[in-house]
PDB file of all heavy atoms in Angstrom:
ATOM      1  N   THR A   1      23.652 -11.531 -11.606  1.00  0.00           N
ATOM      2  CA  THR A   1      24.662 -11.748 -10.640  1.00  0.00           C
ATOM      3  C   THR A   1      25.943 -12.256 -11.271  1.00  0.00           C
ATOM      4  O   THR A   1      27.007 -12.154 -10.682  1.00  0.00           O
ATOM      5  CB  THR A   1      24.188 -12.744  -9.590  1.00  0.00           C
ATOM      6  OG1 THR A   1      23.702 -13.918 -10.220  1.00  0.00           O
ATOM      7  CG2 THR A   1      23.041 -12.196  -8.712  1.00  0.00           C
ATOM      8  N   ASN A   2      25.821 -12.872 -12.477  1.00  0.00           N
ATOM      9  CA  ASN A   2      27.077 -13.380 -13.035  1.00  0.00           C
ATOM     10  C   ASN A   2      27.387 -12.635 -14.347  1.00  0.00           C
ATOM     11  O   ASN A   2      28.146 -13.102 -15.118  1.00  0.00           O
ATOM     12  CB  ASN A   2      26.951 -14.934 -13.240  1.00  0.00           C
ATOM     13  CG  ASN A   2      25.997 -15.263 -14.396  1.00  0.00           C
ATOM     14  OD1 ASN A   2      25.194 -14.485 -14.821  1.00  0.00           O
ATOM     15  ND2 ASN A   2      26.095 -16.533 -14.811  1.00  0.00           N
ATOM     16  N   GLN A   3      26.785 -11.503 -14.573  1.00  0.00           N
ATOM     17  CA  GLN A   3      27.138 -10.727 -15.731  1.00  0.00           C
ATOM     18  C   GLN A   3      28.601 -10.319 -15.669  1.00  0.00           C
ATOM     19  O   GLN A   3      29.034  -9.801 -14.648  1.00  0.00           O
ATOM     20  CB  GLN A   3      26.286  -9.481 -15.834  1.00  0.00           C
ATOM     21  CG  GLN A   3      24.832  -9.789 -16.289  1.00  0.00           C
ATOM     22  CD  GLN A   3      24.768 -10.126 -17.742  1.00  0.00           C
ATOM     23  OE1 GLN A   3      25.715  -9.911 -18.508  1.00  0.00           O
ATOM     24  NE2 GLN A   3      23.677 -10.793 -18.155  1.00  0.00           N
ATOM     25  N   GLY A   4      29.341 -10.484 -16.714  1.00  0.00           N
ATOM     26  CA  GLY A   4      30.729 -10.143 -16.757  1.00  0.00           C
ATOM     27  C   GLY A   4      31.704 -11.032 -16.152  1.00  0.00           C
ATOM     28  O   GLY A   4      32.915 -10.696 -16.011  1.00  0.00           O
ATOM     29  N   VAL A   5      31.312 -12.216 -15.657  1.00  0.00           N
ATOM     30  CA  VAL A   5      32.191 -13.152 -14.984  1.00  0.00           C
ATOM     31  C   VAL A   5      33.295 -13.626 -15.945  1.00  0.00           C
ATOM     32  O   VAL A   5      34.432 -13.575 -15.630  1.00  0.00           O
ATOM     33  CB  VAL A   5      31.408 -14.339 -14.378  1.00  0.00           C
ATOM     34  CG1 VAL A   5      32.350 -15.436 -13.946  1.00  0.00           C
ATOM     35  CG2 VAL A   5      30.530 -13.867 -13.234  1.00  0.00           C
ATOM     36  N   ARG A   6      32.915 -13.949 -17.155  1.00  0.00           N
ATOM     37  CA  ARG A   6      33.880 -14.433 -18.127  1.00  0.00           C
ATOM     38  C   ARG A   6      34.877 -13.346 -18.456  1.00  0.00           C
ATOM     39  O   ARG A   6      36.106 -13.572 -18.487  1.00  0.00           O
ATOM     40  CB  ARG A   6      33.190 -14.967 -19.401  1.00  0.00           C
ATOM     41  CG  ARG A   6      34.230 -15.398 -20.453  1.00  0.00           C
ATOM     42  CD  ARG A   6      33.682 -15.983 -21.716  1.00  0.00           C
ATOM     43  NE  ARG A   6      34.719 -16.192 -22.603  1.00  0.00           N
ATOM     44  CZ  ARG A   6      34.925 -17.356 -23.250  1.00  0.00           C
ATOM     45  NH1 ARG A   6      34.104 -18.366 -23.013  1.00  0.00           N
ATOM     46  NH2 ARG A   6      35.962 -17.469 -24.059  1.00  0.00           N
ATOM     47  N   ALA A   7      34.395 -12.156 -18.706  1.00  0.00           N
ATOM     48  CA  ALA A   7      35.298 -11.063 -19.040  1.00  0.00           C
ATOM     49  C   ALA A   7      36.259 -10.766 -17.889  1.00  0.00           C
ATOM     50  O   ALA A   7      37.474 -10.534 -18.176  1.00  0.00           O
ATOM     51  CB  ALA A   7      34.503  -9.802 -19.429  1.00  0.00           C
ATOM     52  N   ARG A   8      35.763 -10.830 -16.722  1.00  0.00           N
ATOM     53  CA  ARG A   8      36.592 -10.590 -15.590  1.00  0.00           C
ATOM     54  C   ARG A   8      37.651 -11.669 -15.451  1.00  0.00           C
ATOM     55  O   ARG A   8      38.805 -11.482 -15.073  1.00  0.00           O
ATOM     56  CB  ARG A   8      35.742 -10.471 -14.323  1.00  0.00           C
ATOM     57  CG  ARG A   8      36.491  -9.941 -13.128  1.00  0.00           C
ATOM     58  CD  ARG A   8      35.558  -9.639 -12.017  1.00  0.00           C
ATOM     59  NE  ARG A   8      36.241  -9.201 -10.805  1.00  0.00           N
ATOM     60  CZ  ARG A   8      35.633  -9.043  -9.673  1.00  0.00           C
ATOM     61  NH1 ARG A   8      34.321  -9.292  -9.590  1.00  0.00           N
ATOM     62  NH2 ARG A   8      36.299  -8.701  -8.626  1.00  0.00           N
ATOM     63  N   THR A   9      37.220 -12.932 -15.687  1.00  0.00           N
ATOM     64  CA  THR A   9      38.130 -14.075 -15.580  1.00  0.00           C
ATOM     65  C   THR A   9      39.234 -13.961 -16.692  1.00  0.00           C
ATOM     66  O   THR A   9      40.452 -14.176 -16.376  1.00  0.00           O
ATOM     67  CB  THR A   9      37.420 -15.410 -15.784  1.00  0.00           C
ATOM     68  OG1 THR A   9      36.316 -15.506 -14.843  1.00  0.00           O
ATOM     69  CG2 THR A   9      38.329 -16.584 -15.670  1.00  0.00           C
ATOM     70  N   GLU A  10      38.870 -13.547 -17.912  1.00  0.00           N
ATOM     71  CA  GLU A  10      39.822 -13.319 -18.921  1.00  0.00           C
ATOM     72  C   GLU A  10      40.819 -12.223 -18.545  1.00  0.00           C
ATOM     73  O   GLU A  10      42.039 -12.382 -18.827  1.00  0.00           O
ATOM     74  CB  GLU A  10      39.134 -12.966 -20.217  1.00  0.00           C
ATOM     75  CG  GLU A  10      38.439 -14.127 -20.829  1.00  0.00           C
ATOM     76  CD  GLU A  10      37.765 -13.753 -22.144  1.00  0.00           C
ATOM     77  OE1 GLU A  10      36.929 -12.844 -22.143  1.00  0.00           O
ATOM     78  OE2 GLU A  10      38.152 -14.342 -23.228  1.00  0.00           O
ATOM     79  N   GLN A  11      40.332 -11.139 -17.924  1.00  0.00           N
ATOM     80  CA  GLN A  11      41.200 -10.018 -17.544  1.00  0.00           C
ATOM     81  C   GLN A  11      42.140 -10.577 -16.395  1.00  0.00           C
ATOM     82  O   GLN A  11      43.364 -10.188 -16.425  1.00  0.00           O
ATOM     83  CB  GLN A  11      40.347  -8.879 -17.010  1.00  0.00           C
ATOM     84  CG  GLN A  11      39.593  -8.201 -18.024  1.00  0.00           C
ATOM     85  CD  GLN A  11      38.571  -7.133 -17.486  1.00  0.00           C
ATOM     86  OE1 GLN A  11      38.634  -6.911 -16.238  1.00  0.00           O
ATOM     87  NE2 GLN A  11      37.710  -6.536 -18.277  1.00  0.00           N
ATOM     88  N   LEU A  12      41.687 -11.327 -15.535  1.00  0.00           N
ATOM     89  CA  LEU A  12      42.526 -11.838 -14.490  1.00  0.00           C
ATOM     90  C   LEU A  12      43.659 -12.713 -15.043  1.00  0.00           C
ATOM     91  O   LEU A  12      44.855 -12.567 -14.709  1.00  0.00           O
ATOM     92  CB  LEU A  12      41.680 -12.714 -13.463  1.00  0.00           C
ATOM     93  CG  LEU A  12      41.269 -12.013 -12.163  1.00  0.00           C
ATOM     94  CD1 LEU A  12      40.365 -12.891 -11.357  1.00  0.00           C
ATOM     95  CD2 LEU A  12      42.426 -11.444 -11.394  1.00  0.00           C
ATOM     96  N   LEU A  13      43.282 -13.638 -15.922  1.00  0.00           N
ATOM     97  CA  LEU A  13      44.258 -14.516 -16.560  1.00  0.00           C
ATOM     98  C   LEU A  13      45.268 -13.757 -17.347  1.00  0.00           C
ATOM     99  O   LEU A  13      46.472 -14.029 -17.350  1.00  0.00           O
ATOM    100  CB  LEU A  13      43.534 -15.545 -17.418  1.00  0.00           C
ATOM    101  CG  LEU A  13      42.760 -16.647 -16.667  1.00  0.00           C
ATOM    102  CD1 LEU A  13      42.027 -17.513 -17.692  1.00  0.00           C
ATOM    103  CD2 LEU A  13      43.692 -17.490 -15.839  1.00  0.00           C
ATOM    104  N   THR A  14      44.798 -12.707 -18.073  1.00  0.00           N
ATOM    105  CA  THR A  14      45.781 -11.887 -18.849  1.00  0.00           C
ATOM    106  C   THR A  14      46.749 -11.214 -17.927  1.00  0.00           C
ATOM    107  O   THR A  14      47.956 -11.205 -18.245  1.00  0.00           O
ATOM    108  CB  THR A  14      45.017 -10.848 -19.638  1.00  0.00           C
ATOM    109  OG1 THR A  14      44.052 -11.507 -20.562  1.00  0.00           O
ATOM    110  CG2 THR A  14      45.972 -10.013 -20.498  1.00  0.00           C
ATOM    111  N   SER A  15      46.281 -10.672 -16.822  1.00  0.00           N
ATOM    112  CA  SER A  15      47.208  -9.996 -15.867  1.00  0.00           C
ATOM    113  C   SER A  15      48.073 -10.955 -15.181  1.00  0.00           C
ATOM    114  O   SER A  15      49.266 -10.703 -14.977  1.00  0.00           O
ATOM    115  CB  SER A  15      46.295  -9.189 -14.810  1.00  0.00           C
ATOM    116  OG  SER A  15      45.486  -8.252 -15.487  1.00  0.00           O
ATOM    117  N   LEU A  16      47.578 -12.165 -14.804  1.00  0.00           N
ATOM    118  CA  LEU A  16      48.363 -13.082 -14.068  1.00  0.00           C
ATOM    119  C   LEU A  16      49.432 -13.706 -14.892  1.00  0.00           C
ATOM    120  O   LEU A  16      50.540 -14.106 -14.365  1.00  0.00           O
ATOM    121  CB  LEU A  16      47.416 -14.264 -13.539  1.00  0.00           C
ATOM    122  CG  LEU A  16      46.464 -13.905 -12.438  1.00  0.00           C
ATOM    123  CD1 LEU A  16      45.490 -15.011 -12.144  1.00  0.00           C
ATOM    124  CD2 LEU A  16      47.284 -13.588 -11.125  1.00  0.00           C
ATOM    125  N   THR A  17      49.197 -13.798 -16.168  1.00  0.00           N
ATOM    126  CA  THR A  17      50.194 -14.475 -17.079  1.00  0.00           C
ATOM    127  C   THR A  17      51.123 -13.469 -17.776  1.00  0.00           C
ATOM    128  O   THR A  17      51.987 -13.883 -18.524  1.00  0.00           O
ATOM    129  CB  THR A  17      49.540 -15.302 -18.157  1.00  0.00           C
ATOM    130  OG1 THR A  17      48.584 -14.485 -18.917  1.00  0.00           O
ATOM    131  CG2 THR A  17      48.736 -16.489 -17.574  1.00  0.00           C
ATOM    132  N   ALA A  18      50.955 -12.191 -17.465  1.00  0.00           N
ATOM    133  CA  ALA A  18      51.827 -11.152 -18.071  1.00  0.00           C
ATOM    134  C   ALA A  18      53.252 -11.392 -17.647  1.00  0.00           C
ATOM    135  O   ALA A  18      53.556 -11.487 -16.433  1.00  0.00           O
ATOM    136  CB  ALA A  18      51.352  -9.751 -17.678  1.00  0.00           C
ATOM    137  N   GLY A  19      54.151 -11.525 -18.604  1.00  0.00           N
ATOM    138  CA  GLY A  19      55.604 -11.776 -18.245  1.00  0.00           C
ATOM    139  C   GLY A  19      55.940 -13.240 -18.098  1.00  0.00           C
ATOM    140  O   GLY A  19      57.114 -13.552 -17.872  1.00  0.00           O
ATOM    141  N   LEU A  20      54.921 -14.126 -18.188  1.00  0.00           N
ATOM    142  CA  LEU A  20      55.153 -15.553 -18.085  1.00  0.00           C
ATOM    143  C   LEU A  20      55.056 -16.195 -19.435  1.00  0.00           C
ATOM    144  O   LEU A  20      54.271 -15.718 -20.339  1.00  0.00           O
ATOM    145  CB  LEU A  20      54.133 -16.213 -17.211  1.00  0.00           C
ATOM    146  CG  LEU A  20      53.944 -15.652 -15.746  1.00  0.00           C
ATOM    147  CD1 LEU A  20      53.005 -16.526 -14.945  1.00  0.00           C
ATOM    148  CD2 LEU A  20      55.327 -15.540 -15.020  1.00  0.00           C
ATOM    149  N   TYR A  21      55.822 -17.149 -19.770  1.00  0.00           N
ATOM    150  CA  TYR A  21      55.847 -17.747 -21.058  1.00  0.00           C
ATOM    151  C   TYR A  21      55.538 -19.288 -20.960  1.00  0.00           C
ATOM    152  O   TYR A  21      56.147 -19.942 -20.148  1.00  0.00           O
ATOM    153  CB  TYR A  21      57.219 -17.555 -21.716  1.00  0.00           C
ATOM    154  CG  TYR A  21      57.545 -16.053 -21.899  1.00  0.00           C
ATOM    155  CD1 TYR A  21      58.172 -15.341 -20.942  1.00  0.00           C
ATOM    156  CD2 TYR A  21      57.120 -15.438 -23.116  1.00  0.00           C
ATOM    157  CE1 TYR A  21      58.490 -13.911 -21.119  1.00  0.00           C
ATOM    158  CE2 TYR A  21      57.395 -14.084 -23.289  1.00  0.00           C
ATOM    159  CZ  TYR A  21      58.059 -13.357 -22.305  1.00  0.00           C
ATOM    160  OH  TYR A  21      58.286 -12.021 -22.474  1.00  0.00           O
ATOM    161  N   GLU A  22      54.574 -19.706 -21.833  1.00  0.00           N
ATOM    162  CA  GLU A  22      54.142 -21.066 -21.874  1.00  0.00           C
ATOM    163  C   GLU A  22      53.633 -21.590 -20.488  1.00  0.00           C
ATOM    164  O   GLU A  22      53.851 -22.692 -20.101  1.00  0.00           O
ATOM    165  CB  GLU A  22      55.268 -21.965 -22.400  1.00  0.00           C
ATOM    166  CG  GLU A  22      55.621 -21.654 -23.772  1.00  0.00           C
ATOM    167  CD  GLU A  22      56.692 -22.619 -24.358  1.00  0.00           C
ATOM    168  OE1 GLU A  22      56.855 -23.684 -23.751  1.00  0.00           O
ATOM    169  OE2 GLU A  22      57.245 -22.292 -25.418  1.00  0.00           O
ATOM    170  N   ARG A  23      53.051 -20.662 -19.736  1.00  0.00           N
ATOM    171  CA  ARG A  23      52.494 -21.034 -18.467  1.00  0.00           C
ATOM    172  C   ARG A  23      50.999 -20.652 -18.321  1.00  0.00           C
ATOM    173  O   ARG A  23      50.462 -20.641 -17.280  1.00  0.00           O
ATOM    174  CB  ARG A  23      53.255 -20.337 -17.275  1.00  0.00           C
ATOM    175  CG  ARG A  23      54.681 -20.801 -17.199  1.00  0.00           C
ATOM    176  CD  ARG A  23      54.776 -22.270 -16.711  1.00  0.00           C
ATOM    177  NE  ARG A  23      56.093 -22.831 -16.670  1.00  0.00           N
ATOM    178  CZ  ARG A  23      56.655 -23.562 -17.642  1.00  0.00           C
ATOM    179  NH1 ARG A  23      55.946 -23.788 -18.791  1.00  0.00           N
ATOM    180  NH2 ARG A  23      57.869 -23.977 -17.547  1.00  0.00           N
ATOM    181  N   ASP A  24      50.368 -20.410 -19.455  1.00  0.00           N
ATOM    182  CA  ASP A  24      48.906 -20.087 -19.461  1.00  0.00           C
ATOM    183  C   ASP A  24      48.092 -21.185 -18.909  1.00  0.00           C
ATOM    184  O   ASP A  24      47.192 -20.961 -18.137  1.00  0.00           O
ATOM    185  CB  ASP A  24      48.487 -19.705 -20.882  1.00  0.00           C
ATOM    186  CG  ASP A  24      49.084 -18.438 -21.408  1.00  0.00           C
ATOM    187  OD1 ASP A  24      49.984 -17.888 -20.665  1.00  0.00           O
ATOM    188  OD2 ASP A  24      48.711 -17.990 -22.521  1.00  0.00           O
ATOM    189  N   LYS A  25      48.396 -22.449 -19.324  1.00  0.00           N
ATOM    190  CA  LYS A  25      47.618 -23.575 -18.855  1.00  0.00           C
ATOM    191  C   LYS A  25      47.744 -23.704 -17.353  1.00  0.00           C
ATOM    192  O   LYS A  25      46.721 -23.887 -16.633  1.00  0.00           O
ATOM    193  CB  LYS A  25      47.987 -24.869 -19.535  1.00  0.00           C
ATOM    194  CG  LYS A  25      47.197 -26.080 -19.088  1.00  0.00           C
ATOM    195  CD  LYS A  25      47.832 -27.412 -19.519  1.00  0.00           C
ATOM    196  CE  LYS A  25      47.709 -27.575 -21.012  1.00  0.00           C
ATOM    197  NZ  LYS A  25      48.175 -28.929 -21.443  1.00  0.00           N
ATOM    198  N   ALA A  26      48.973 -23.673 -16.890  1.00  0.00           N
ATOM    199  CA  ALA A  26      49.144 -23.848 -15.450  1.00  0.00           C
ATOM    200  C   ALA A  26      48.500 -22.752 -14.613  1.00  0.00           C
ATOM    201  O   ALA A  26      47.846 -23.032 -13.552  1.00  0.00           O
ATOM    202  CB  ALA A  26      50.685 -23.913 -15.099  1.00  0.00           C
ATOM    203  N   MET A  27      48.627 -21.530 -15.016  1.00  0.00           N
ATOM    204  CA  MET A  27      47.968 -20.414 -14.336  1.00  0.00           C
ATOM    205  C   MET A  27      46.497 -20.538 -14.426  1.00  0.00           C
ATOM    206  O   MET A  27      45.742 -20.253 -13.425  1.00  0.00           O
ATOM    207  CB  MET A  27      48.464 -19.110 -14.836  1.00  0.00           C
ATOM    208  CG  MET A  27      47.996 -17.869 -14.039  1.00  0.00           C
ATOM    209  SD  MET A  27      48.527 -17.916 -12.319  1.00  0.00           S
ATOM    210  CE  MET A  27      50.234 -17.431 -12.543  1.00  0.00           C
ATOM    211  N   GLY A  28      45.934 -20.887 -15.574  1.00  0.00           N
ATOM    212  CA  GLY A  28      44.490 -21.029 -15.742  1.00  0.00           C
ATOM    213  C   GLY A  28      43.938 -22.109 -14.791  1.00  0.00           C
ATOM    214  O   GLY A  28      42.896 -21.991 -14.123  1.00  0.00           O
ATOM    215  N   LEU A  29      44.666 -23.258 -14.787  1.00  0.00           N
ATOM    216  CA  LEU A  29      44.164 -24.356 -13.922  1.00  0.00           C
ATOM    217  C   LEU A  29      44.303 -24.023 -12.428  1.00  0.00           C
ATOM    218  O   LEU A  29      43.524 -24.372 -11.610  1.00  0.00           O
ATOM    219  CB  LEU A  29      44.933 -25.604 -14.216  1.00  0.00           C
ATOM    220  CG  LEU A  29      44.619 -26.314 -15.609  1.00  0.00           C
ATOM    221  CD1 LEU A  29      45.511 -27.482 -15.826  1.00  0.00           C
ATOM    222  CD2 LEU A  29      43.129 -26.720 -15.678  1.00  0.00           C
ATOM    223  N   ALA A  30      45.322 -23.236 -12.117  1.00  0.00           N
ATOM    224  CA  ALA A  30      45.528 -22.771 -10.710  1.00  0.00           C
ATOM    225  C   ALA A  30      44.378 -21.913 -10.311  1.00  0.00           C
ATOM    226  O   ALA A  30      43.902 -22.027  -9.140  1.00  0.00           O
ATOM    227  CB  ALA A  30      46.918 -22.125 -10.566  1.00  0.00           C
ATOM    228  N   LEU A  31      44.035 -20.931 -11.145  1.00  0.00           N
ATOM    229  CA  LEU A  31      42.970 -20.038 -10.827  1.00  0.00           C
ATOM    230  C   LEU A  31      41.596 -20.824 -10.704  1.00  0.00           C
ATOM    231  O   LEU A  31      40.792 -20.567  -9.821  1.00  0.00           O
ATOM    232  CB  LEU A  31      42.822 -18.934 -11.842  1.00  0.00           C
ATOM    233  CG  LEU A  31      41.684 -17.918 -11.675  1.00  0.00           C
ATOM    234  CD1 LEU A  31      41.868 -17.131 -10.378  1.00  0.00           C
ATOM    235  CD2 LEU A  31      41.594 -16.985 -12.849  1.00  0.00           C
ATOM    236  N   LEU A  32      41.371 -21.734 -11.640  1.00  0.00           N
ATOM    237  CA  LEU A  32      40.172 -22.536 -11.698  1.00  0.00           C
ATOM    238  C   LEU A  32      40.012 -23.286 -10.351  1.00  0.00           C
ATOM    239  O   LEU A  32      38.956 -23.349  -9.798  1.00  0.00           O
ATOM    240  CB  LEU A  32      40.168 -23.444 -12.885  1.00  0.00           C
ATOM    241  CG  LEU A  32      38.968 -24.441 -12.990  1.00  0.00           C
ATOM    242  CD1 LEU A  32      37.649 -23.668 -13.179  1.00  0.00           C
ATOM    243  CD2 LEU A  32      39.191 -25.406 -14.168  1.00  0.00           C
ATOM    244  N   THR A  33      41.094 -23.973 -10.012  1.00  0.00           N
ATOM    245  CA  THR A  33      41.030 -24.813  -8.774  1.00  0.00           C
ATOM    246  C   THR A  33      40.825 -23.955  -7.510  1.00  0.00           C
ATOM    247  O   THR A  33      40.166 -24.282  -6.613  1.00  0.00           O
ATOM    248  CB  THR A  33      42.252 -25.643  -8.563  1.00  0.00           C
ATOM    249  OG1 THR A  33      43.427 -24.822  -8.663  1.00  0.00           O
ATOM    250  CG2 THR A  33      42.377 -26.723  -9.657  1.00  0.00           C
ATOM    251  N   ALA A  34      41.422 -22.756  -7.546  1.00  0.00           N
ATOM    252  CA  ALA A  34      41.241 -21.808  -6.372  1.00  0.00           C
ATOM    253  C   ALA A  34      39.815 -21.338  -6.295  1.00  0.00           C
ATOM    254  O   ALA A  34      39.259 -21.315  -5.196  1.00  0.00           O
ATOM    255  CB  ALA A  34      42.182 -20.636  -6.583  1.00  0.00           C
ATOM    256  N   VAL A  35      39.220 -21.016  -7.379  1.00  0.00           N
ATOM    257  CA  VAL A  35      37.790 -20.566  -7.353  1.00  0.00           C
ATOM    258  C   VAL A  35      36.893 -21.752  -6.892  1.00  0.00           C
ATOM    259  O   VAL A  35      35.887 -21.575  -6.185  1.00  0.00           O
ATOM    260  CB  VAL A  35      37.331 -19.984  -8.641  1.00  0.00           C
ATOM    261  CG1 VAL A  35      35.837 -19.668  -8.694  1.00  0.00           C
ATOM    262  CG2 VAL A  35      38.143 -18.719  -9.036  1.00  0.00           C
ATOM    263  N   ALA A  36      37.260 -22.961  -7.356  1.00  0.00           N
ATOM    264  CA  ALA A  36      36.459 -24.125  -7.013  1.00  0.00           C
ATOM    265  C   ALA A  36      36.766 -24.569  -5.513  1.00  0.00           C
ATOM    266  O   ALA A  36      36.087 -25.411  -5.043  1.00  0.00           O
ATOM    267  CB  ALA A  36      36.791 -25.265  -7.984  1.00  0.00           C
ATOM    268  N   GLY A  37      37.755 -23.973  -4.931  1.00  0.00           N
ATOM    269  CA  GLY A  37      38.143 -24.331  -3.596  1.00  0.00           C
ATOM    270  C   GLY A  37      38.917 -25.643  -3.512  1.00  0.00           C
ATOM    271  O   GLY A  37      38.824 -26.402  -2.524  1.00  0.00           O
ATOM    272  N   GLU A  38      39.624 -26.010  -4.577  1.00  0.00           N
ATOM    273  CA  GLU A  38      40.326 -27.268  -4.696  1.00  0.00           C
ATOM    274  C   GLU A  38      41.873 -27.058  -4.686  1.00  0.00           C
ATOM    275  O   GLU A  38      42.325 -25.915  -4.532  1.00  0.00           O
ATOM    276  CB  GLU A  38      39.892 -28.048  -5.908  1.00  0.00           C
ATOM    277  CG  GLU A  38      38.391 -28.532  -5.830  1.00  0.00           C
ATOM    278  CD  GLU A  38      38.149 -29.494  -4.673  1.00  0.00           C
ATOM    279  OE1 GLU A  38      39.145 -30.098  -4.178  1.00  0.00           O
ATOM    280  OE2 GLU A  38      37.003 -29.598  -4.311  1.00  0.00           O
ATOM    281  N   SER A  39      42.605 -28.146  -4.868  1.00  0.00           N
ATOM    282  CA  SER A  39      44.100 -28.065  -4.828  1.00  0.00           C
ATOM    283  C   SER A  39      44.639 -28.507  -6.173  1.00  0.00           C
ATOM    284  O   SER A  39      43.973 -29.306  -6.884  1.00  0.00           O
ATOM    285  CB  SER A  39      44.543 -28.921  -3.706  1.00  0.00           C
ATOM    286  OG  SER A  39      44.078 -30.263  -3.708  1.00  0.00           O
ATOM    287  N   ILE A  40      45.888 -28.118  -6.375  1.00  0.00           N
ATOM    288  CA  ILE A  40      46.543 -28.544  -7.601  1.00  0.00           C
ATOM    289  C   ILE A  40      47.989 -28.956  -7.298  1.00  0.00           C
ATOM    290  O   ILE A  40      48.674 -28.355  -6.423  1.00  0.00           O
ATOM    291  CB  ILE A  40      46.565 -27.365  -8.667  1.00  0.00           C
ATOM    292  CG1 ILE A  40      47.262 -27.808  -9.956  1.00  0.00           C
ATOM    293  CG2 ILE A  40      47.175 -26.131  -8.107  1.00  0.00           C
ATOM    294  CD1 ILE A  40      47.106 -26.812 -11.104  1.00  0.00           C
ATOM    295  N   PHE A  41      48.410 -30.019  -7.967  1.00  0.00           N
ATOM    296  CA  PHE A  41      49.791 -30.509  -7.745  1.00  0.00           C
ATOM    297  C   PHE A  41      50.604 -30.289  -9.020  1.00  0.00           C
ATOM    298  O   PHE A  41      50.160 -30.669 -10.114  1.00  0.00           O
ATOM    299  CB  PHE A  41      49.832 -31.997  -7.390  1.00  0.00           C
ATOM    300  CG  PHE A  41      51.173 -32.618  -7.383  1.00  0.00           C
ATOM    301  CD1 PHE A  41      52.067 -32.406  -6.380  1.00  0.00           C
ATOM    302  CD2 PHE A  41      51.579 -33.445  -8.449  1.00  0.00           C
ATOM    303  CE1 PHE A  41      53.341 -32.925  -6.359  1.00  0.00           C
ATOM    304  CE2 PHE A  41      52.825 -34.011  -8.452  1.00  0.00           C
ATOM    305  CZ  PHE A  41      53.734 -33.734  -7.413  1.00  0.00           C
ATOM    306  N   LEU A  42      51.767 -29.634  -8.942  1.00  0.00           N
ATOM    307  CA  LEU A  42      52.632 -29.361 -10.101  1.00  0.00           C
ATOM    308  C   LEU A  42      53.839 -30.193 -10.042  1.00  0.00           C
ATOM    309  O   LEU A  42      54.563 -30.214  -8.984  1.00  0.00           O
ATOM    310  CB  LEU A  42      53.012 -27.884 -10.121  1.00  0.00           C
ATOM    311  CG  LEU A  42      51.897 -26.849 -10.141  1.00  0.00           C
ATOM    312  CD1 LEU A  42      52.466 -25.470 -10.034  1.00  0.00           C
ATOM    313  CD2 LEU A  42      51.011 -27.035 -11.284  1.00  0.00           C
ATOM    314  N   LEU A  43      54.065 -31.025 -11.058  1.00  0.00           N
ATOM    315  CA  LEU A  43      55.186 -31.918 -11.092  1.00  0.00           C
ATOM    316  C   LEU A  43      56.195 -31.352 -12.127  1.00  0.00           C
ATOM    317  O   LEU A  43      55.862 -31.128 -13.281  1.00  0.00           O
ATOM    318  CB  LEU A  43      54.733 -33.308 -11.632  1.00  0.00           C
ATOM    319  CG  LEU A  43      55.829 -34.363 -11.859  1.00  0.00           C
ATOM    320  CD1 LEU A  43      56.497 -34.698 -10.508  1.00  0.00           C
ATOM    321  CD2 LEU A  43      55.173 -35.637 -12.530  1.00  0.00           C
TER     322      LEU A  43
END
């Protein structure tokens, strides 16, 4: 049931950060919190 989850997550992050610069951490944490059903605050 979880085969390929990591590869899919990597593909998502690659697509989400395309054209963004130095925002990999922010996008990664945003996706992580979304899958976890949590919230994130950006200062």
